[in-house]
């Protein structure tokens, strides 16, 4: 019988195969150990509170965003501010759904020591504190800390017990106090006007200090210093394109504080087919970034409701509006 001779290459191949098998097996062992952690199925917010939530606060890096149910929709403001911006209603609804849905969490530690914040609940740029309030005047809160070494799980706890839990990253998208995350992103707030389309816009009046002729009245009935400069309607070339682009432009967040009636540039009054109106007043904020403030006044004729919001836009957006309407 002929003996099988193993060359150096054969030995190397066998060693590589053994190392590969060992490497894969090590992950299986780790995975098995990982699964032995104490598993809980829980809702972060009790499902019975789903329709009782009236507001919640999200604090990151000492910046707190308050999200409040006011009237027909959710609105957001910075803590201690009187200026609201309508929320992205879908985002808020998803937040409530995800926090009241049953999910898997793992107990990581029974003894959290606030003096040794190794989990990053307080002294960490990723730390997030969420507090929610019910119509019963009750409130509850969570602390979210750092991600674990694998960057696939995050630590969290409640102040009721010194127990640290781990959960997956599926809630990370809510751990932000930025209005860009939570707000209706559009310059003309779609939330207020129930998602209008370009075809719904019938007329656009432009008021400017360059105009002359008909007097324009402000929303409080006082005479405006601005006169009608131009009217855009279905007879105007590219009217549908202009309407579509105006609805698609985005704001840049909360306004830069300024006196309302100073540095005004021009106004737009947009009339929709259902008689709702949106009046936008553009103000030069005089800040170093050349941003502009907008005051938006919305009148919902069928509901007999009025809303007023302030936001800011970039110089690029401002110039885009001017290019289309002036």
C-alpha atoms as a PDB file:
ATOM      1  CA  UNK A   1       0.000   0.000   0.000  1.00  0.00           C
ATOM      2  CA  UNK A   2       1.325   3.415  -0.942  1.00  0.00           C
ATOM      3  CA  UNK A   3       1.852   5.731   2.045  1.00  0.00           C
ATOM      4  CA  UNK A   4       0.293   9.167   1.917  1.00  0.00           C
ATOM      5  CA  UNK A   5       3.027  11.770   2.249  1.00  0.00           C
ATOM      6  CA  UNK A   6       2.037  15.070   3.813  1.00  0.00           C
ATOM      7  CA  UNK A   7       3.936  18.086   2.621  1.00  0.00           C
ATOM      8  CA  UNK A   8       4.452  21.315   4.554  1.00  0.00           C
ATOM      9  CA  UNK A   9       1.594  22.879   2.615  1.00  0.00           C
ATOM     10  CA  UNK A  10      -0.719  20.089   3.766  1.00  0.00           C
ATOM     11  CA  UNK A  11       0.224  20.698   7.398  1.00  0.00           C
ATOM     12  CA  UNK A  12      -0.311  24.419   6.998  1.00  0.00           C
ATOM     13  CA  UNK A  13      -3.724  23.845   5.435  1.00  0.00           C
ATOM     14  CA  UNK A  14      -4.770  21.565   8.329  1.00  0.00           C
ATOM     15  CA  UNK A  15      -3.588  24.106  10.918  1.00  0.00           C
ATOM     16  CA  UNK A  16      -5.483  26.918   9.168  1.00  0.00           C
ATOM     17  CA  UNK A  17      -8.666  24.806   9.108  1.00  0.00           C
ATOM     18  CA  UNK A  18      -8.351  24.032  12.818  1.00  0.00           C
ATOM     19  CA  UNK A  19      -7.805  27.699  13.654  1.00  0.00           C
ATOM     20  CA  UNK A  20     -10.810  28.709  11.544  1.00  0.00           C
ATOM     21  CA  UNK A  21     -13.051  26.160  13.292  1.00  0.00           C
ATOM     22  CA  UNK A  22     -11.818  27.379  16.692  1.00  0.00           C
ATOM     23  CA  UNK A  23     -12.458  30.995  15.724  1.00  0.00           C
ATOM     24  CA  UNK A  24     -16.051  30.277  14.658  1.00  0.00           C
ATOM     25  CA  UNK A  25     -16.646  28.149  17.758  1.00  0.00           C
ATOM     26  CA  UNK A  26     -15.454  31.002  19.993  1.00  0.00           C
ATOM     27  CA  UNK A  27     -18.259  33.211  18.655  1.00  0.00           C
ATOM     28  CA  UNK A  28     -20.797  30.483  19.297  1.00  0.00           C
ATOM     29  CA  UNK A  29     -19.572  30.164  22.870  1.00  0.00           C
ATOM     30  CA  UNK A  30     -19.730  33.924  23.387  1.00  0.00           C
ATOM     31  CA  UNK A  31     -23.197  34.031  21.850  1.00  0.00           C
ATOM     32  CA  UNK A  32     -24.319  31.242  24.136  1.00  0.00           C
ATOM     33  CA  UNK A  33     -22.957  33.061  27.183  1.00  0.00           C
ATOM     34  CA  UNK A  34     -24.558  36.296  25.978  1.00  0.00           C
ATOM     35  CA  UNK A  35     -27.938  34.591  25.766  1.00  0.00           C
ATOM     36  CA  UNK A  36     -27.598  33.494  29.400  1.00  0.00           C
ATOM     37  CA  UNK A  37     -28.069  37.076  30.559  1.00  0.00           C
ATOM     38  CA  UNK A  38     -31.274  37.684  32.466  1.00  0.00           C
ATOM     39  CA  UNK A  39     -33.854  38.464  29.800  1.00  0.00           C
ATOM     40  CA  UNK A  40     -36.986  40.535  30.415  1.00  0.00           C
ATOM     41  CA  UNK A  41     -39.901  41.316  28.138  1.00  0.00           C
ATOM     42  CA  UNK A  42     -41.210  44.750  28.972  1.00  0.00           C
ATOM     43  CA  UNK A  43     -42.756  47.971  27.705  1.00  0.00           C
ATOM     44  CA  UNK A  44     -40.743  51.049  28.580  1.00  0.00           C
ATOM     45  CA  UNK A  45     -44.010  52.969  28.864  1.00  0.00           C
ATOM     46  CA  UNK A  46     -46.977  50.957  30.055  1.00  0.00           C
ATOM     47  CA  UNK A  47     -49.330  50.389  27.145  1.00  0.00           C
ATOM     48  CA  UNK A  48     -52.299  51.550  29.235  1.00  0.00           C
ATOM     49  CA  UNK A  49     -50.762  55.072  29.253  1.00  0.00           C
ATOM     50  CA  UNK A  50     -50.582  55.256  25.462  1.00  0.00           C
ATOM     51  CA  UNK A  51     -53.493  57.692  25.092  1.00  0.00           C
ATOM     52  CA  UNK A  52     -52.840  59.512  28.365  1.00  0.00           C
ATOM     53  CA  UNK A  53     -49.490  61.111  27.462  1.00  0.00           C
ATOM     54  CA  UNK A  54     -49.796  64.896  27.290  1.00  0.00           C
ATOM     55  CA  UNK A  55     -46.144  65.869  26.924  1.00  0.00           C
ATOM     56  CA  UNK A  56     -42.576  64.697  27.211  1.00  0.00           C
ATOM     57  CA  UNK A  57     -39.153  66.258  27.644  1.00  0.00           C
ATOM     58  CA  UNK A  58     -35.931  65.126  26.023  1.00  0.00           C
ATOM     59  CA  UNK A  59     -32.653  66.425  27.461  1.00  0.00           C
ATOM     60  CA  UNK A  60     -29.273  65.938  25.755  1.00  0.00           C
ATOM     61  CA  UNK A  61     -26.158  67.970  26.628  1.00  0.00           C
ATOM     62  CA  UNK A  62     -28.201  70.231  28.942  1.00  0.00           C
ATOM     63  CA  UNK A  63     -30.530  71.174  26.072  1.00  0.00           C
ATOM     64  CA  UNK A  64     -34.162  70.283  26.726  1.00  0.00           C
ATOM     65  CA  UNK A  65     -36.835  70.006  24.061  1.00  0.00           C
ATOM     66  CA  UNK A  66     -40.436  69.921  25.261  1.00  0.00           C
ATOM     67  CA  UNK A  67     -43.007  68.164  23.070  1.00  0.00           C
ATOM     68  CA  UNK A  68     -46.572  69.025  24.002  1.00  0.00           C
ATOM     69  CA  UNK A  69     -49.986  67.991  22.707  1.00  0.00           C
ATOM     70  CA  UNK A  70     -51.772  71.270  22.001  1.00  0.00           C
ATOM     71  CA  UNK A  71     -55.077  71.219  20.211  1.00  0.00           C
ATOM     72  CA  UNK A  72     -55.046  68.959  17.184  1.00  0.00           C
ATOM     73  CA  UNK A  73     -51.329  68.232  16.941  1.00  0.00           C
ATOM     74  CA  UNK A  74     -48.032  67.970  18.800  1.00  0.00           C
ATOM     75  CA  UNK A  75     -45.786  71.014  19.042  1.00  0.00           C
ATOM     76  CA  UNK A  76     -42.210  71.452  20.266  1.00  0.00           C
ATOM     77  CA  UNK A  77     -40.345  74.232  22.019  1.00  0.00           C
ATOM     78  CA  UNK A  78     -37.091  74.733  23.842  1.00  0.00           C
ATOM     79  CA  UNK A  79     -37.538  74.642  27.605  1.00  0.00           C
ATOM     80  CA  UNK A  80     -38.698  78.005  29.031  1.00  0.00           C
ATOM     81  CA  UNK A  81     -39.453  79.361  25.564  1.00  0.00           C
ATOM     82  CA  UNK A  82     -42.821  80.566  24.270  1.00  0.00           C
ATOM     83  CA  UNK A  83     -42.005  79.811  20.656  1.00  0.00           C
ATOM     84  CA  UNK A  84     -43.399  76.566  19.279  1.00  0.00           C
ATOM     85  CA  UNK A  85     -42.779  74.700  16.036  1.00  0.00           C
ATOM     86  CA  UNK A  86     -45.232  72.002  14.909  1.00  0.00           C
ATOM     87  CA  UNK A  87     -43.862  68.484  15.250  1.00  0.00           C
ATOM     88  CA  UNK A  88     -43.495  65.773  12.688  1.00  0.00           C
ATOM     89  CA  UNK A  89     -46.648  63.949  13.821  1.00  0.00           C
ATOM     90  CA  UNK A  90     -45.459  60.633  12.399  1.00  0.00           C
ATOM     91  CA  UNK A  91     -42.261  60.836  14.468  1.00  0.00           C
ATOM     92  CA  UNK A  92     -44.167  61.473  17.710  1.00  0.00           C
ATOM     93  CA  UNK A  93     -46.660  58.698  17.002  1.00  0.00           C
ATOM     94  CA  UNK A  94     -43.812  56.272  16.288  1.00  0.00           C
ATOM     95  CA  UNK A  95     -42.123  57.300  19.539  1.00  0.00           C
ATOM     96  CA  UNK A  96     -45.248  56.514  21.574  1.00  0.00           C
ATOM     97  CA  UNK A  97     -45.802  53.248  19.701  1.00  0.00           C
ATOM     98  CA  UNK A  98     -42.212  52.048  20.119  1.00  0.00           C
ATOM     99  CA  UNK A  99     -42.017  52.952  23.804  1.00  0.00           C
ATOM    100  CA  UNK A 100     -45.313  51.194  24.561  1.00  0.00           C
ATOM    101  CA  UNK A 101     -44.463  48.069  22.537  1.00  0.00           C
ATOM    102  CA  UNK A 102     -43.223  44.904  24.258  1.00  0.00           C
ATOM    103  CA  UNK A 103     -39.484  44.456  23.715  1.00  0.00           C
ATOM    104  CA  UNK A 104     -36.513  42.446  24.997  1.00  0.00           C
ATOM    105  CA  UNK A 105     -34.117  43.967  27.532  1.00  0.00           C
ATOM    106  CA  UNK A 106     -31.288  42.385  29.528  1.00  0.00           C
ATOM    107  CA  UNK A 107     -30.370  43.098  33.121  1.00  0.00           C
ATOM    108  CA  UNK A 108     -26.712  44.137  33.157  1.00  0.00           C
ATOM    109  CA  UNK A 109     -26.047  45.313  36.706  1.00  0.00           C
ATOM    110  CA  UNK A 110     -27.944  45.354  40.011  1.00  0.00           C
ATOM    111  CA  UNK A 111     -25.832  48.030  41.660  1.00  0.00           C
ATOM    112  CA  UNK A 112     -25.536  51.311  39.806  1.00  0.00           C
ATOM    113  CA  UNK A 113     -23.356  53.814  41.658  1.00  0.00           C
ATOM    114  CA  UNK A 114     -24.049  57.401  40.502  1.00  0.00           C
ATOM    115  CA  UNK A 115     -20.639  58.436  41.855  1.00  0.00           C
ATOM    116  CA  UNK A 116     -18.985  56.103  39.353  1.00  0.00           C
ATOM    117  CA  UNK A 117     -20.905  56.733  36.147  1.00  0.00           C
ATOM    118  CA  UNK A 118     -19.262  54.027  34.028  1.00  0.00           C
ATOM    119  CA  UNK A 119     -22.433  53.625  31.968  1.00  0.00           C
ATOM    120  CA  UNK A 120     -22.474  57.258  30.871  1.00  0.00           C
ATOM    121  CA  UNK A 121     -25.920  58.233  32.145  1.00  0.00           C
ATOM    122  CA  UNK A 122     -24.869  61.730  33.197  1.00  0.00           C
ATOM    123  CA  UNK A 123     -21.324  62.716  32.160  1.00  0.00           C
ATOM    124  CA  UNK A 124     -21.468  61.680  28.538  1.00  0.00           C
ATOM    125  CA  UNK A 125     -22.320  63.489  25.303  1.00  0.00           C
ATOM    126  CA  UNK A 126     -24.620  60.610  24.296  1.00  0.00           C
ATOM    127  CA  UNK A 127     -26.539  60.657  27.590  1.00  0.00           C
ATOM    128  CA  UNK A 128     -30.268  61.262  27.168  1.00  0.00           C
ATOM    129  CA  UNK A 129     -32.887  61.900  29.830  1.00  0.00           C
ATOM    130  CA  UNK A 130     -36.539  61.383  28.816  1.00  0.00           C
ATOM    131  CA  UNK A 131     -39.422  62.376  31.047  1.00  0.00           C
ATOM    132  CA  UNK A 132     -43.070  61.936  30.081  1.00  0.00           C
ATOM    133  CA  UNK A 133     -46.235  63.326  31.671  1.00  0.00           C
ATOM    134  CA  UNK A 134     -49.769  61.945  31.838  1.00  0.00           C
ATOM    135  CA  UNK A 135     -53.142  63.639  32.031  1.00  0.00           C
ATOM    136  CA  UNK A 136     -53.317  62.345  35.612  1.00  0.00           C
ATOM    137  CA  UNK A 137     -50.393  64.644  36.568  1.00  0.00           C
ATOM    138  CA  UNK A 138     -48.125  61.604  36.956  1.00  0.00           C
ATOM    139  CA  UNK A 139     -44.667  61.623  35.400  1.00  0.00           C
ATOM    140  CA  UNK A 140     -42.039  58.948  34.711  1.00  0.00           C
ATOM    141  CA  UNK A 141     -38.497  59.073  33.377  1.00  0.00           C
ATOM    142  CA  UNK A 142     -35.635  57.133  31.793  1.00  0.00           C
ATOM    143  CA  UNK A 143     -31.894  57.606  31.523  1.00  0.00           C
ATOM    144  CA  UNK A 144     -30.088  56.365  28.420  1.00  0.00           C
ATOM    145  CA  UNK A 145     -26.307  56.068  28.578  1.00  0.00           C
ATOM    146  CA  UNK A 146     -23.439  54.825  26.433  1.00  0.00           C
ATOM    147  CA  UNK A 147     -23.429  52.006  23.932  1.00  0.00           C
ATOM    148  CA  UNK A 148     -21.727  48.786  24.936  1.00  0.00           C
ATOM    149  CA  UNK A 149     -18.376  47.631  23.513  1.00  0.00           C
ATOM    150  CA  UNK A 150     -20.073  46.130  20.437  1.00  0.00           C
ATOM    151  CA  UNK A 151     -21.939  49.381  19.622  1.00  0.00           C
ATOM    152  CA  UNK A 152     -25.103  47.323  19.126  1.00  0.00           C
ATOM    153  CA  UNK A 153     -26.739  47.842  22.532  1.00  0.00           C
ATOM    154  CA  UNK A 154     -27.333  50.791  24.833  1.00  0.00           C
ATOM    155  CA  UNK A 155     -27.536  51.008  28.620  1.00  0.00           C
ATOM    156  CA  UNK A 156     -30.626  52.462  30.259  1.00  0.00           C
ATOM    157  CA  UNK A 157     -32.198  52.726  33.693  1.00  0.00           C
ATOM    158  CA  UNK A 158     -35.007  54.398  35.619  1.00  0.00           C
ATOM    159  CA  UNK A 159     -34.433  56.446  38.787  1.00  0.00           C
ATOM    160  CA  UNK A 160     -36.743  54.121  40.736  1.00  0.00           C
ATOM    161  CA  UNK A 161     -34.147  51.347  41.058  1.00  0.00           C
ATOM    162  CA  UNK A 162     -30.324  51.212  40.739  1.00  0.00           C
ATOM    163  CA  UNK A 163     -30.577  48.530  38.029  1.00  0.00           C
ATOM    164  CA  UNK A 164     -28.851  48.925  34.661  1.00  0.00           C
ATOM    165  CA  UNK A 165     -30.372  47.272  31.599  1.00  0.00           C
ATOM    166  CA  UNK A 166     -29.204  46.772  28.038  1.00  0.00           C
ATOM    167  CA  UNK A 167     -31.338  46.943  24.938  1.00  0.00           C
ATOM    168  CA  UNK A 168     -30.791  47.093  21.185  1.00  0.00           C
ATOM    169  CA  UNK A 169     -30.308  50.365  19.301  1.00  0.00           C
ATOM    170  CA  UNK A 170     -33.849  50.525  17.874  1.00  0.00           C
ATOM    171  CA  UNK A 171     -34.789  53.525  20.069  1.00  0.00           C
ATOM    172  CA  UNK A 172     -31.626  55.528  19.347  1.00  0.00           C
ATOM    173  CA  UNK A 173     -33.366  57.669  16.732  1.00  0.00           C
ATOM    174  CA  UNK A 174     -35.454  59.259  19.516  1.00  0.00           C
ATOM    175  CA  UNK A 175     -32.507  60.178  21.749  1.00  0.00           C
ATOM    176  CA  UNK A 176     -32.146  63.729  20.445  1.00  0.00           C
ATOM    177  CA  UNK A 177     -33.268  67.166  21.608  1.00  0.00           C
ATOM    178  CA  UNK A 178     -32.878  68.698  18.138  1.00  0.00           C
ATOM    179  CA  UNK A 179     -35.899  70.335  16.515  1.00  0.00           C
ATOM    180  CA  UNK A 180     -34.523  69.111  13.175  1.00  0.00           C
ATOM    181  CA  UNK A 181     -35.280  65.576  14.389  1.00  0.00           C
ATOM    182  CA  UNK A 182     -38.716  66.237  15.892  1.00  0.00           C
ATOM    183  CA  UNK A 183     -40.124  69.200  13.971  1.00  0.00           C
ATOM    184  CA  UNK A 184     -42.210  69.499  10.849  1.00  0.00           C
ATOM    185  CA  UNK A 185     -39.279  70.249   8.512  1.00  0.00           C
ATOM    186  CA  UNK A 186     -41.040  72.440   5.960  1.00  0.00           C
ATOM    187  CA  UNK A 187     -41.002  76.226   5.722  1.00  0.00           C
ATOM    188  CA  UNK A 188     -44.782  76.111   5.193  1.00  0.00           C
ATOM    189  CA  UNK A 189     -45.844  73.773   7.971  1.00  0.00           C
ATOM    190  CA  UNK A 190     -47.671  70.839   6.404  1.00  0.00           C
ATOM    191  CA  UNK A 191     -48.826  69.640   9.813  1.00  0.00           C
ATOM    192  CA  UNK A 192     -50.980  72.746  10.256  1.00  0.00           C
ATOM    193  CA  UNK A 193     -52.438  72.699   6.754  1.00  0.00           C
ATOM    194  CA  UNK A 194     -53.048  68.924   6.624  1.00  0.00           C
ATOM    195  CA  UNK A 195     -50.416  68.132   3.987  1.00  0.00           C
ATOM    196  CA  UNK A 196     -51.377  70.474   1.129  1.00  0.00           C
ATOM    197  CA  UNK A 197     -50.372  69.831  -2.474  1.00  0.00           C
ATOM    198  CA  UNK A 198     -49.257  72.349  -5.099  1.00  0.00           C
ATOM    199  CA  UNK A 199     -52.611  71.977  -6.892  1.00  0.00           C
ATOM    200  CA  UNK A 200     -54.359  73.188  -3.709  1.00  0.00           C
ATOM    201  CA  UNK A 201     -52.736  76.647  -3.936  1.00  0.00           C
ATOM    202  CA  UNK A 202     -55.010  79.103  -5.786  1.00  0.00           C
ATOM    203  CA  UNK A 203     -53.282  82.463  -5.349  1.00  0.00           C
ATOM    204  CA  UNK A 204     -50.088  83.930  -3.928  1.00  0.00           C
ATOM    205  CA  UNK A 205     -50.024  87.628  -2.982  1.00  0.00           C
ATOM    206  CA  UNK A 206     -46.630  89.275  -2.573  1.00  0.00           C
ATOM    207  CA  UNK A 207     -46.308  92.416  -0.449  1.00  0.00           C
ATOM    208  CA  UNK A 208     -43.121  94.418  -0.627  1.00  0.00           C
ATOM    209  CA  UNK A 209     -41.786  97.855   0.177  1.00  0.00           C
ATOM    210  CA  UNK A 210     -41.195  98.124  -3.554  1.00  0.00           C
ATOM    211  CA  UNK A 211     -44.938  97.977  -4.240  1.00  0.00           C
ATOM    212  CA  UNK A 212     -47.547 100.656  -4.561  1.00  0.00           C
ATOM    213  CA  UNK A 213     -51.298 100.789  -4.832  1.00  0.00           C
ATOM    214  CA  UNK A 214     -53.612  98.653  -2.699  1.00  0.00           C
ATOM    215  CA  UNK A 215     -53.250  98.769   1.057  1.00  0.00           C
ATOM    216  CA  UNK A 216     -52.446  95.521   2.854  1.00  0.00           C
ATOM    217  CA  UNK A 217     -53.720  94.910   6.368  1.00  0.00           C
ATOM    218  CA  UNK A 218     -51.895  92.880   8.997  1.00  0.00           C
ATOM    219  CA  UNK A 219     -53.616  89.971  10.719  1.00  0.00           C
ATOM    220  CA  UNK A 220     -54.564  92.150  13.715  1.00  0.00           C
ATOM    221  CA  UNK A 221     -56.395  94.598  11.448  1.00  0.00           C
ATOM    222  CA  UNK A 222     -53.770  97.330  11.511  1.00  0.00           C
ATOM    223  CA  UNK A 223     -52.563  98.913   8.285  1.00  0.00           C
ATOM    224  CA  UNK A 224     -49.356  97.356   6.991  1.00  0.00           C
ATOM    225  CA  UNK A 225     -46.486  99.433   5.642  1.00  0.00           C
ATOM    226  CA  UNK A 226     -46.385  97.098   2.684  1.00  0.00           C
ATOM    227  CA  UNK A 227     -48.428  97.285  -0.482  1.00  0.00           C
ATOM    228  CA  UNK A 228     -49.386  94.620  -2.967  1.00  0.00           C
ATOM    229  CA  UNK A 229     -46.473  94.179  -5.315  1.00  0.00           C
ATOM    230  CA  UNK A 230     -47.523  91.135  -7.306  1.00  0.00           C
ATOM    231  CA  UNK A 231     -50.220  88.477  -7.631  1.00  0.00           C
ATOM    232  CA  UNK A 232     -49.445  84.961  -8.793  1.00  0.00           C
ATOM    233  CA  UNK A 233     -52.213  82.585  -9.866  1.00  0.00           C
ATOM    234  CA  UNK A 234     -53.011  79.887 -12.423  1.00  0.00           C
ATOM    235  CA  UNK A 235     -52.466  82.397 -15.257  1.00  0.00           C
ATOM    236  CA  UNK A 236     -48.891  82.981 -14.136  1.00  0.00           C
ATOM    237  CA  UNK A 237     -46.245  81.015 -16.092  1.00  0.00           C
ATOM    238  CA  UNK A 238     -44.767  78.185 -13.999  1.00  0.00           C
ATOM    239  CA  UNK A 239     -47.315  78.820 -11.221  1.00  0.00           C
ATOM    240  CA  UNK A 240     -47.615  75.136 -10.316  1.00  0.00           C
ATOM    241  CA  UNK A 241     -43.819  74.818 -10.242  1.00  0.00           C
ATOM    242  CA  UNK A 242     -43.555  77.847  -7.905  1.00  0.00           C
ATOM    243  CA  UNK A 243     -46.300  76.477  -5.639  1.00  0.00           C
ATOM    244  CA  UNK A 244     -44.636  73.080  -5.502  1.00  0.00           C
ATOM    245  CA  UNK A 245     -41.215  74.527  -4.666  1.00  0.00           C
ATOM    246  CA  UNK A 246     -42.598  76.797  -1.935  1.00  0.00           C
ATOM    247  CA  UNK A 247     -44.199  73.787  -0.257  1.00  0.00           C
ATOM    248  CA  UNK A 248     -40.962  71.829  -0.554  1.00  0.00           C
ATOM    249  CA  UNK A 249     -38.571  74.385   0.985  1.00  0.00           C
ATOM    250  CA  UNK A 250     -37.395  73.701   4.541  1.00  0.00           C
ATOM    251  CA  UNK A 251     -36.779  75.812   7.603  1.00  0.00           C
ATOM    252  CA  UNK A 252     -33.667  75.799   9.815  1.00  0.00           C
ATOM    253  CA  UNK A 253     -35.169  75.507  13.287  1.00  0.00           C
ATOM    254  CA  UNK A 254     -36.126  77.991  15.963  1.00  0.00           C
ATOM    255  CA  UNK A 255     -35.789  81.687  15.074  1.00  0.00           C
ATOM    256  CA  UNK A 256     -33.050  84.053  16.059  1.00  0.00           C
ATOM    257  CA  UNK A 257     -34.662  86.385  18.559  1.00  0.00           C
ATOM    258  CA  UNK A 258     -35.508  89.771  17.137  1.00  0.00           C
ATOM    259  CA  UNK A 259     -38.252  92.390  17.271  1.00  0.00           C
ATOM    260  CA  UNK A 260     -41.038  91.246  14.954  1.00  0.00           C
ATOM    261  CA  UNK A 261     -41.586  94.441  13.032  1.00  0.00           C
ATOM    262  CA  UNK A 262     -37.929  95.385  12.486  1.00  0.00           C
ATOM    263  CA  UNK A 263     -35.978  94.582   9.353  1.00  0.00           C
ATOM    264  CA  UNK A 264     -38.972  93.210   7.457  1.00  0.00           C
ATOM    265  CA  UNK A 265     -38.240  92.311   3.838  1.00  0.00           C
ATOM    266  CA  UNK A 266     -41.494  91.107   2.259  1.00  0.00           C
ATOM    267  CA  UNK A 267     -44.612  89.009   2.828  1.00  0.00           C
ATOM    268  CA  UNK A 268     -46.364  86.179   1.047  1.00  0.00           C
ATOM    269  CA  UNK A 269     -50.042  85.426   1.480  1.00  0.00           C
ATOM    270  CA  UNK A 270     -50.933  82.000   0.127  1.00  0.00           C
ATOM    271  CA  UNK A 271     -54.590  81.149  -0.444  1.00  0.00           C
ATOM    272  CA  UNK A 272     -55.690  77.545  -0.775  1.00  0.00           C
ATOM    273  CA  UNK A 273     -58.728  76.106  -2.497  1.00  0.00           C
ATOM    274  CA  UNK A 274     -60.458  75.315   0.805  1.00  0.00           C
ATOM    275  CA  UNK A 275     -60.069  79.012   1.825  1.00  0.00           C
ATOM    276  CA  UNK A 276     -57.281  78.290   4.319  1.00  0.00           C
ATOM    277  CA  UNK A 277     -54.514  80.893   4.223  1.00  0.00           C
ATOM    278  CA  UNK A 278     -50.868  81.054   5.181  1.00  0.00           C
ATOM    279  CA  UNK A 279     -49.159  84.422   5.539  1.00  0.00           C
ATOM    280  CA  UNK A 280     -45.361  84.373   5.739  1.00  0.00           C
ATOM    281  CA  UNK A 281     -43.423  87.468   6.822  1.00  0.00           C
ATOM    282  CA  UNK A 282     -39.680  87.449   6.166  1.00  0.00           C
ATOM    283  CA  UNK A 283     -37.343  89.344   8.523  1.00  0.00           C
ATOM    284  CA  UNK A 284     -33.649  89.982   8.303  1.00  0.00           C
ATOM    285  CA  UNK A 285     -32.296  88.655  11.604  1.00  0.00           C
ATOM    286  CA  UNK A 286     -29.035  90.598  11.169  1.00  0.00           C
ATOM    287  CA  UNK A 287     -27.049  87.665  12.551  1.00  0.00           C
ATOM    288  CA  UNK A 288     -23.574  86.656  11.404  1.00  0.00           C
ATOM    289  CA  UNK A 289     -24.864  83.604   9.488  1.00  0.00           C
ATOM    290  CA  UNK A 290     -27.194  85.777   7.388  1.00  0.00           C
ATOM    291  CA  UNK A 291     -30.201  83.716   8.445  1.00  0.00           C
ATOM    292  CA  UNK A 292     -33.726  85.094   8.130  1.00  0.00           C
ATOM    293  CA  UNK A 293     -36.648  84.761  10.527  1.00  0.00           C
ATOM    294  CA  UNK A 294     -40.116  83.856   9.331  1.00  0.00           C
ATOM    295  CA  UNK A 295     -43.389  84.543  11.088  1.00  0.00           C
ATOM    296  CA  UNK A 296     -46.048  82.215   9.738  1.00  0.00           C
ATOM    297  CA  UNK A 297     -49.719  82.992  10.419  1.00  0.00           C
ATOM    298  CA  UNK A 298     -52.152  80.235   9.498  1.00  0.00           C
ATOM    299  CA  UNK A 299     -55.913  80.647   9.246  1.00  0.00           C
ATOM    300  CA  UNK A 300     -58.001  77.481   8.938  1.00  0.00           C
ATOM    301  CA  UNK A 301     -61.329  78.836   7.730  1.00  0.00           C
ATOM    302  CA  UNK A 302     -63.436  75.686   8.030  1.00  0.00           C
ATOM    303  CA  UNK A 303     -62.241  75.063  11.586  1.00  0.00           C
ATOM    304  CA  UNK A 304     -62.228  78.739  12.576  1.00  0.00           C
ATOM    305  CA  UNK A 305     -58.735  78.339  14.006  1.00  0.00           C
ATOM    306  CA  UNK A 306     -55.607  80.472  13.813  1.00  0.00           C
ATOM    307  CA  UNK A 307     -51.989  79.562  14.556  1.00  0.00           C
ATOM    308  CA  UNK A 308     -48.818  81.624  14.638  1.00  0.00           C
ATOM    309  CA  UNK A 309     -45.279  80.218  14.525  1.00  0.00           C
ATOM    310  CA  UNK A 310     -41.754  81.567  14.149  1.00  0.00           C
ATOM    311  CA  UNK A 311     -38.813  79.801  12.531  1.00  0.00           C
ATOM    312  CA  UNK A 312     -35.670  80.663  10.606  1.00  0.00           C
ATOM    313  CA  UNK A 313     -34.384  79.918   7.122  1.00  0.00           C
ATOM    314  CA  UNK A 314     -30.958  80.100   5.530  1.00  0.00           C
ATOM    315  CA  UNK A 315     -29.880  82.851   3.182  1.00  0.00           C
ATOM    316  CA  UNK A 316     -29.988  80.275   0.361  1.00  0.00           C
ATOM    317  CA  UNK A 317     -33.656  79.482   1.059  1.00  0.00           C
ATOM    318  CA  UNK A 318     -34.506  83.166   1.389  1.00  0.00           C
ATOM    319  CA  UNK A 319     -32.897  83.957  -1.965  1.00  0.00           C
ATOM    320  CA  UNK A 320     -34.674  80.984  -3.551  1.00  0.00           C
ATOM    321  CA  UNK A 321     -38.035  82.371  -2.451  1.00  0.00           C
ATOM    322  CA  UNK A 322     -37.164  85.840  -3.763  1.00  0.00           C
ATOM    323  CA  UNK A 323     -36.006  84.380  -7.067  1.00  0.00           C
ATOM    324  CA  UNK A 324     -39.357  82.658  -7.571  1.00  0.00           C
ATOM    325  CA  UNK A 325     -41.829  85.318  -6.421  1.00  0.00           C
ATOM    326  CA  UNK A 326     -40.273  88.786  -6.764  1.00  0.00           C
END
